């Protein structure tokens, strides 16, 4: 499934301001598939759906919200990561040698670790995926998110991602799909019109969000509890 999605999005092209496109499903396939094999086999779980790879998270490790230290030290995944064909000099892919922290990843997986203690206990109830597998980088090196793409570029990308999300839901049969942020929730609603479980969202852990910088874990605990998911 992930290889089909990787092939589908590799065929797409994007214009300015996007200058570099990273697909960790290709160059970070080993840790990505280790994550799927080890933790993506449950049924009836709660799927937490992110937007797309962060430059110091999944773009480095192949794991959604994949801050290096959390993936290696808590999830126990440390596989070889290759290099994309084109890299921005300010955004090199160093894999598990990357020393930069992904704040969104440390918050999400840090919450999981604090609340559930072990990955096994967390993944007995949850699974984390990203809607879009691509990371976009501007000429300046700034991260560019898929919600800002022009409609003509969004359409084929979202069609491929919708198909992949539908397949994930078909395989995992989750009881809930929870967008990590409003974009992911909106895409889940568009991709899963016949989904009969709970569909909603929680606050995104991005440091760009003032609310996330003030008690993110407590906020999403309340949101999940209000939805009957904790």
C-alpha atoms as a PDB file:
ATOM      1  CA  UNK A   1       0.000   0.000   0.000  1.00  0.00           C
ATOM      2  CA  UNK A   2       2.712   2.530   0.953  1.00  0.00           C
ATOM      3  CA  UNK A   3       4.718   1.566  -2.127  1.00  0.00           C
ATOM      4  CA  UNK A   4       1.683   2.184  -4.351  1.00  0.00           C
ATOM      5  CA  UNK A   5       1.193   5.608  -2.782  1.00  0.00           C
ATOM      6  CA  UNK A   6       4.897   6.369  -3.179  1.00  0.00           C
ATOM      7  CA  UNK A   7       4.722   5.509  -6.873  1.00  0.00           C
ATOM      8  CA  UNK A   8       1.563   7.553  -7.392  1.00  0.00           C
ATOM      9  CA  UNK A   9       2.948  10.734  -5.839  1.00  0.00           C
ATOM     10  CA  UNK A  10       6.383  10.337  -7.439  1.00  0.00           C
ATOM     11  CA  UNK A  11       4.699  10.901 -10.799  1.00  0.00           C
ATOM     12  CA  UNK A  12       3.412  14.351  -9.768  1.00  0.00           C
ATOM     13  CA  UNK A  13       5.093  17.671 -10.442  1.00  0.00           C
ATOM     14  CA  UNK A  14       4.874  20.899  -8.466  1.00  0.00           C
ATOM     15  CA  UNK A  15       5.660  24.486  -9.370  1.00  0.00           C
ATOM     16  CA  UNK A  16       6.929  27.532  -7.499  1.00  0.00           C
ATOM     17  CA  UNK A  17       7.203  28.313  -4.653  1.00  0.00           C
ATOM     18  CA  UNK A  18       7.932  24.588  -4.199  1.00  0.00           C
ATOM     19  CA  UNK A  19      11.478  23.825  -5.351  1.00  0.00           C
ATOM     20  CA  UNK A  20      12.254  20.536  -3.635  1.00  0.00           C
ATOM     21  CA  UNK A  21       9.982  17.578  -2.938  1.00  0.00           C
ATOM     22  CA  UNK A  22      10.993  14.856  -0.481  1.00  0.00           C
ATOM     23  CA  UNK A  23       9.278  11.474  -0.479  1.00  0.00           C
ATOM     24  CA  UNK A  24      10.393   9.484   2.602  1.00  0.00           C
ATOM     25  CA  UNK A  25       8.322   6.517   1.452  1.00  0.00           C
ATOM     26  CA  UNK A  26      11.154   6.057  -1.064  1.00  0.00           C
ATOM     27  CA  UNK A  27      14.431   7.009   0.581  1.00  0.00           C
ATOM     28  CA  UNK A  28      13.337   6.159   4.157  1.00  0.00           C
ATOM     29  CA  UNK A  29      11.462   3.026   3.162  1.00  0.00           C
ATOM     30  CA  UNK A  30      13.296   0.761   5.624  1.00  0.00           C
ATOM     31  CA  UNK A  31      12.246   2.565   8.838  1.00  0.00           C
ATOM     32  CA  UNK A  32       8.817   3.373   7.415  1.00  0.00           C
ATOM     33  CA  UNK A  33       8.045  -0.245   6.653  1.00  0.00           C
ATOM     34  CA  UNK A  34       9.543  -1.319   9.990  1.00  0.00           C
ATOM     35  CA  UNK A  35       7.018   1.026  11.646  1.00  0.00           C
ATOM     36  CA  UNK A  36       4.125  -0.398   9.632  1.00  0.00           C
ATOM     37  CA  UNK A  37       5.151  -3.999  10.253  1.00  0.00           C
ATOM     38  CA  UNK A  38       5.734  -3.582  13.971  1.00  0.00           C
ATOM     39  CA  UNK A  39       2.837  -1.340  14.916  1.00  0.00           C
ATOM     40  CA  UNK A  40       0.290  -1.234  12.080  1.00  0.00           C
ATOM     41  CA  UNK A  41      -1.418  -4.603  12.460  1.00  0.00           C
ATOM     42  CA  UNK A  42      -4.257  -3.831  14.903  1.00  0.00           C
ATOM     43  CA  UNK A  43      -7.971  -3.569  14.154  1.00  0.00           C
ATOM     44  CA  UNK A  44     -10.618  -1.313  15.619  1.00  0.00           C
ATOM     45  CA  UNK A  45      -8.135   1.328  16.746  1.00  0.00           C
ATOM     46  CA  UNK A  46      -8.185   5.107  16.751  1.00  0.00           C
ATOM     47  CA  UNK A  47      -6.264   6.464  13.765  1.00  0.00           C
ATOM     48  CA  UNK A  48      -4.500   9.758  14.406  1.00  0.00           C
ATOM     49  CA  UNK A  49      -4.082  11.407  11.015  1.00  0.00           C
ATOM     50  CA  UNK A  50      -1.356  14.004  10.480  1.00  0.00           C
ATOM     51  CA  UNK A  51      -0.882  16.331   7.539  1.00  0.00           C
ATOM     52  CA  UNK A  52       2.507  15.547   5.965  1.00  0.00           C
ATOM     53  CA  UNK A  53       6.153  15.006   6.966  1.00  0.00           C
ATOM     54  CA  UNK A  54       7.976  17.646   8.958  1.00  0.00           C
ATOM     55  CA  UNK A  55      11.537  18.498   7.892  1.00  0.00           C
ATOM     56  CA  UNK A  56      13.082  17.105  11.076  1.00  0.00           C
ATOM     57  CA  UNK A  57      10.549  14.346  11.643  1.00  0.00           C
ATOM     58  CA  UNK A  58       9.193  11.943   9.045  1.00  0.00           C
ATOM     59  CA  UNK A  59      11.423  13.543   6.411  1.00  0.00           C
ATOM     60  CA  UNK A  60      14.366  12.164   8.398  1.00  0.00           C
ATOM     61  CA  UNK A  61      13.012   8.907   9.861  1.00  0.00           C
ATOM     62  CA  UNK A  62      10.133   7.776   7.645  1.00  0.00           C
ATOM     63  CA  UNK A  63       7.818   7.649  10.679  1.00  0.00           C
ATOM     64  CA  UNK A  64       4.886  10.066  11.110  1.00  0.00           C
ATOM     65  CA  UNK A  65       5.780  12.866  13.547  1.00  0.00           C
ATOM     66  CA  UNK A  66       9.087  10.994  13.623  1.00  0.00           C
ATOM     67  CA  UNK A  67      11.407  12.979  15.862  1.00  0.00           C
ATOM     68  CA  UNK A  68      14.677  11.033  15.782  1.00  0.00           C
ATOM     69  CA  UNK A  69      15.062  10.458  19.518  1.00  0.00           C
ATOM     70  CA  UNK A  70      11.450   9.337  19.983  1.00  0.00           C
ATOM     71  CA  UNK A  71      11.554   6.956  17.015  1.00  0.00           C
ATOM     72  CA  UNK A  72      14.891   5.450  17.955  1.00  0.00           C
ATOM     73  CA  UNK A  73      14.686   5.410  21.753  1.00  0.00           C
ATOM     74  CA  UNK A  74      10.972   4.835  22.381  1.00  0.00           C
ATOM     75  CA  UNK A  75       9.627   3.147  19.260  1.00  0.00           C
ATOM     76  CA  UNK A  76      12.816   1.134  18.877  1.00  0.00           C
ATOM     77  CA  UNK A  77      13.247   1.813  15.167  1.00  0.00           C
ATOM     78  CA  UNK A  78      16.673   2.670  13.764  1.00  0.00           C
ATOM     79  CA  UNK A  79      16.996   1.645  10.124  1.00  0.00           C
ATOM     80  CA  UNK A  80      19.103   2.885   7.234  1.00  0.00           C
ATOM     81  CA  UNK A  81      17.861   6.025   5.536  1.00  0.00           C
ATOM     82  CA  UNK A  82      19.047   6.867   2.024  1.00  0.00           C
ATOM     83  CA  UNK A  83      19.102  10.333   0.459  1.00  0.00           C
ATOM     84  CA  UNK A  84      16.513  11.917  -1.840  1.00  0.00           C
ATOM     85  CA  UNK A  85      17.661  12.652  -5.372  1.00  0.00           C
ATOM     86  CA  UNK A  86      17.456  16.405  -4.812  1.00  0.00           C
ATOM     87  CA  UNK A  87      18.065  18.058  -1.458  1.00  0.00           C
ATOM     88  CA  UNK A  88      17.950  21.657  -0.403  1.00  0.00           C
ATOM     89  CA  UNK A  89      21.369  22.487   1.082  1.00  0.00           C
ATOM     90  CA  UNK A  90      19.641  23.856   4.182  1.00  0.00           C
ATOM     91  CA  UNK A  91      17.459  20.759   4.555  1.00  0.00           C
ATOM     92  CA  UNK A  92      19.724  17.725   4.177  1.00  0.00           C
ATOM     93  CA  UNK A  93      18.394  14.292   5.023  1.00  0.00           C
ATOM     94  CA  UNK A  94      20.671  12.887   7.698  1.00  0.00           C
ATOM     95  CA  UNK A  95      18.343  10.135   8.867  1.00  0.00           C
ATOM     96  CA  UNK A  96      18.945   9.031  12.434  1.00  0.00           C
ATOM     97  CA  UNK A  97      22.055  11.212  12.575  1.00  0.00           C
ATOM     98  CA  UNK A  98      19.870  14.324  12.428  1.00  0.00           C
ATOM     99  CA  UNK A  99      20.431  16.326  15.593  1.00  0.00           C
ATOM    100  CA  UNK A 100      17.487  18.691  15.153  1.00  0.00           C
ATOM    101  CA  UNK A 101      14.371  17.998  17.160  1.00  0.00           C
ATOM    102  CA  UNK A 102      10.885  17.885  15.621  1.00  0.00           C
ATOM    103  CA  UNK A 103       8.751  19.717  18.177  1.00  0.00           C
ATOM    104  CA  UNK A 104       5.450  18.308  16.913  1.00  0.00           C
ATOM    105  CA  UNK A 105       6.927  14.812  17.150  1.00  0.00           C
ATOM    106  CA  UNK A 106       8.342  15.254  20.637  1.00  0.00           C
ATOM    107  CA  UNK A 107       4.962  16.500  21.799  1.00  0.00           C
ATOM    108  CA  UNK A 108       2.857  13.770  20.193  1.00  0.00           C
ATOM    109  CA  UNK A 109       5.092  10.804  20.990  1.00  0.00           C
ATOM    110  CA  UNK A 110       6.027  12.358  24.327  1.00  0.00           C
ATOM    111  CA  UNK A 111       2.349  12.410  25.267  1.00  0.00           C
ATOM    112  CA  UNK A 112       1.979   8.798  24.148  1.00  0.00           C
ATOM    113  CA  UNK A 113       4.994   7.768  26.206  1.00  0.00           C
ATOM    114  CA  UNK A 114       3.874   9.611  29.322  1.00  0.00           C
ATOM    115  CA  UNK A 115       0.309   8.323  29.188  1.00  0.00           C
ATOM    116  CA  UNK A 116       0.824   4.765  27.965  1.00  0.00           C
ATOM    117  CA  UNK A 117       4.439   4.138  29.045  1.00  0.00           C
ATOM    118  CA  UNK A 118       5.198   1.543  26.351  1.00  0.00           C
ATOM    119  CA  UNK A 119       4.651   1.590  22.578  1.00  0.00           C
ATOM    120  CA  UNK A 120       2.733  -1.679  22.857  1.00  0.00           C
ATOM    121  CA  UNK A 121       0.139  -0.137  25.154  1.00  0.00           C
ATOM    122  CA  UNK A 122      -0.221   2.924  22.944  1.00  0.00           C
ATOM    123  CA  UNK A 123      -0.548   0.968  19.711  1.00  0.00           C
ATOM    124  CA  UNK A 124      -3.092  -1.351  21.285  1.00  0.00           C
ATOM    125  CA  UNK A 125      -5.459   1.621  21.013  1.00  0.00           C
ATOM    126  CA  UNK A 126      -3.979   4.041  18.487  1.00  0.00           C
ATOM    127  CA  UNK A 127      -2.170   4.176  15.174  1.00  0.00           C
ATOM    128  CA  UNK A 128      -0.539   7.257  13.651  1.00  0.00           C
ATOM    129  CA  UNK A 129      -0.357   7.967   9.918  1.00  0.00           C
ATOM    130  CA  UNK A 130       0.131  11.007   7.703  1.00  0.00           C
ATOM    131  CA  UNK A 131      -2.365  11.929   5.020  1.00  0.00           C
ATOM    132  CA  UNK A 132       0.252  13.153   2.524  1.00  0.00           C
ATOM    133  CA  UNK A 133       3.675  11.477   2.349  1.00  0.00           C
ATOM    134  CA  UNK A 134       5.492  14.385   0.691  1.00  0.00           C
ATOM    135  CA  UNK A 135       7.495  17.200   2.257  1.00  0.00           C
ATOM    136  CA  UNK A 136       7.732  20.425   0.261  1.00  0.00           C
ATOM    137  CA  UNK A 137      10.581  22.924   0.533  1.00  0.00           C
ATOM    138  CA  UNK A 138      10.769  26.436  -0.879  1.00  0.00           C
ATOM    139  CA  UNK A 139      13.885  27.972  -2.434  1.00  0.00           C
ATOM    140  CA  UNK A 140      14.628  29.685   0.870  1.00  0.00           C
ATOM    141  CA  UNK A 141      14.532  26.359   2.705  1.00  0.00           C
ATOM    142  CA  UNK A 142      11.206  27.126   4.343  1.00  0.00           C
ATOM    143  CA  UNK A 143       8.710  24.316   4.793  1.00  0.00           C
ATOM    144  CA  UNK A 144       5.656  24.498   2.501  1.00  0.00           C
ATOM    145  CA  UNK A 145       2.471  22.634   3.467  1.00  0.00           C
ATOM    146  CA  UNK A 146       0.114  20.891   1.015  1.00  0.00           C
ATOM    147  CA  UNK A 147      -2.896  22.976   2.023  1.00  0.00           C
ATOM    148  CA  UNK A 148      -1.210  25.934   0.300  1.00  0.00           C
ATOM    149  CA  UNK A 149      -0.716  24.199  -3.060  1.00  0.00           C
ATOM    150  CA  UNK A 150      -2.753  25.548  -5.985  1.00  0.00           C
ATOM    151  CA  UNK A 151      -5.895  23.588  -6.782  1.00  0.00           C
ATOM    152  CA  UNK A 152      -4.476  22.133  -9.995  1.00  0.00           C
ATOM    153  CA  UNK A 153      -1.622  20.587  -7.985  1.00  0.00           C
ATOM    154  CA  UNK A 154      -3.755  19.625  -5.009  1.00  0.00           C
ATOM    155  CA  UNK A 155      -6.247  17.651  -7.058  1.00  0.00           C
ATOM    156  CA  UNK A 156      -4.055  14.746  -8.265  1.00  0.00           C
ATOM    157  CA  UNK A 157      -2.121  14.700  -4.990  1.00  0.00           C
ATOM    158  CA  UNK A 158      -5.258  14.538  -2.876  1.00  0.00           C
ATOM    159  CA  UNK A 159      -6.778  11.883  -5.132  1.00  0.00           C
ATOM    160  CA  UNK A 160      -3.769   9.629  -4.510  1.00  0.00           C
ATOM    161  CA  UNK A 161      -3.778  10.359  -0.779  1.00  0.00           C
ATOM    162  CA  UNK A 162      -7.540   9.808  -0.534  1.00  0.00           C
ATOM    163  CA  UNK A 163      -7.168   6.374  -2.110  1.00  0.00           C
ATOM    164  CA  UNK A 164      -4.397   5.475   0.311  1.00  0.00           C
ATOM    165  CA  UNK A 165      -6.379   6.656   3.344  1.00  0.00           C
ATOM    166  CA  UNK A 166      -9.392   4.683   2.196  1.00  0.00           C
ATOM    167  CA  UNK A 167      -7.229   1.590   1.930  1.00  0.00           C
ATOM    168  CA  UNK A 168      -5.809   2.158   5.410  1.00  0.00           C
ATOM    169  CA  UNK A 169      -9.306   2.395   6.862  1.00  0.00           C
ATOM    170  CA  UNK A 170     -10.350  -0.703   4.941  1.00  0.00           C
ATOM    171  CA  UNK A 171      -7.419  -2.672   6.374  1.00  0.00           C
ATOM    172  CA  UNK A 172      -7.422  -1.378   9.953  1.00  0.00           C
ATOM    173  CA  UNK A 173     -11.202  -0.981  10.414  1.00  0.00           C
ATOM    174  CA  UNK A 174     -10.733   1.805  12.980  1.00  0.00           C
ATOM    175  CA  UNK A 175     -13.519   2.949  15.238  1.00  0.00           C
ATOM    176  CA  UNK A 176     -12.372   6.544  14.916  1.00  0.00           C
ATOM    177  CA  UNK A 177     -10.305   8.712  12.594  1.00  0.00           C
ATOM    178  CA  UNK A 178      -9.000  11.815  14.328  1.00  0.00           C
ATOM    179  CA  UNK A 179      -7.302  14.539  12.360  1.00  0.00           C
ATOM    180  CA  UNK A 180      -4.306  16.087  14.054  1.00  0.00           C
ATOM    181  CA  UNK A 181      -5.369  19.564  13.057  1.00  0.00           C
ATOM    182  CA  UNK A 182      -8.201  20.864  10.904  1.00  0.00           C
ATOM    183  CA  UNK A 183      -6.637  20.115   7.521  1.00  0.00           C
ATOM    184  CA  UNK A 184      -6.319  16.408   8.280  1.00  0.00           C
ATOM    185  CA  UNK A 185      -9.888  16.254   9.556  1.00  0.00           C
ATOM    186  CA  UNK A 186     -11.172  17.965   6.398  1.00  0.00           C
ATOM    187  CA  UNK A 187      -9.278  15.562   4.163  1.00  0.00           C
ATOM    188  CA  UNK A 188     -10.540  12.560   6.142  1.00  0.00           C
ATOM    189  CA  UNK A 189     -14.125  13.749   5.711  1.00  0.00           C
ATOM    190  CA  UNK A 190     -13.583  14.169   1.970  1.00  0.00           C
ATOM    191  CA  UNK A 191     -11.850  10.801   1.564  1.00  0.00           C
ATOM    192  CA  UNK A 192     -14.156   8.773   3.815  1.00  0.00           C
ATOM    193  CA  UNK A 193     -17.752   9.838   3.051  1.00  0.00           C
ATOM    194  CA  UNK A 194     -19.155   6.470   4.161  1.00  0.00           C
ATOM    195  CA  UNK A 195     -17.107   6.082   7.344  1.00  0.00           C
ATOM    196  CA  UNK A 196     -19.502   5.161  10.157  1.00  0.00           C
ATOM    197  CA  UNK A 197     -17.167   5.667  13.115  1.00  0.00           C
ATOM    198  CA  UNK A 198     -16.192   8.832  14.935  1.00  0.00           C
ATOM    199  CA  UNK A 199     -14.497  11.461  12.789  1.00  0.00           C
ATOM    200  CA  UNK A 200     -13.114  14.622  14.363  1.00  0.00           C
ATOM    201  CA  UNK A 201      -9.894  16.399  15.232  1.00  0.00           C
ATOM    202  CA  UNK A 202      -7.497  17.373  17.981  1.00  0.00           C
ATOM    203  CA  UNK A 203      -5.220  20.376  18.275  1.00  0.00           C
ATOM    204  CA  UNK A 204      -2.078  20.136  16.158  1.00  0.00           C
ATOM    205  CA  UNK A 205       1.122  20.119  18.267  1.00  0.00           C
ATOM    206  CA  UNK A 206       2.961  22.561  16.001  1.00  0.00           C
ATOM    207  CA  UNK A 207       4.944  25.263  17.825  1.00  0.00           C
ATOM    208  CA  UNK A 208       3.410  27.710  15.334  1.00  0.00           C
ATOM    209  CA  UNK A 209       0.149  27.372  17.282  1.00  0.00           C
ATOM    210  CA  UNK A 210      -0.060  29.499  20.453  1.00  0.00           C
ATOM    211  CA  UNK A 211      -2.590  27.069  21.921  1.00  0.00           C
ATOM    212  CA  UNK A 212      -0.218  24.149  21.347  1.00  0.00           C
ATOM    213  CA  UNK A 213       2.501  25.997  23.211  1.00  0.00           C
ATOM    214  CA  UNK A 214       0.350  26.190  26.311  1.00  0.00           C
ATOM    215  CA  UNK A 215      -0.498  22.703  27.567  1.00  0.00           C
ATOM    216  CA  UNK A 216      -0.943  20.759  24.321  1.00  0.00           C
ATOM    217  CA  UNK A 217      -1.098  17.359  26.023  1.00  0.00           C
ATOM    218  CA  UNK A 218      -3.760  18.485  28.505  1.00  0.00           C
ATOM    219  CA  UNK A 219      -5.780  20.023  25.673  1.00  0.00           C
ATOM    220  CA  UNK A 220      -5.847  16.917  23.508  1.00  0.00           C
ATOM    221  CA  UNK A 221      -6.596  14.755  26.555  1.00  0.00           C
ATOM    222  CA  UNK A 222      -9.752  16.811  27.051  1.00  0.00           C
ATOM    223  CA  UNK A 223     -10.603  16.658  23.359  1.00  0.00           C
ATOM    224  CA  UNK A 224     -10.191  12.889  23.193  1.00  0.00           C
ATOM    225  CA  UNK A 225     -12.102  12.413  26.444  1.00  0.00           C
ATOM    226  CA  UNK A 226     -14.972  14.633  25.241  1.00  0.00           C
ATOM    227  CA  UNK A 227     -15.175  12.440  22.132  1.00  0.00           C
ATOM    228  CA  UNK A 228     -15.310   9.291  24.256  1.00  0.00           C
ATOM    229  CA  UNK A 229     -11.966   8.068  22.944  1.00  0.00           C
ATOM    230  CA  UNK A 230     -10.045   7.808  26.220  1.00  0.00           C
END
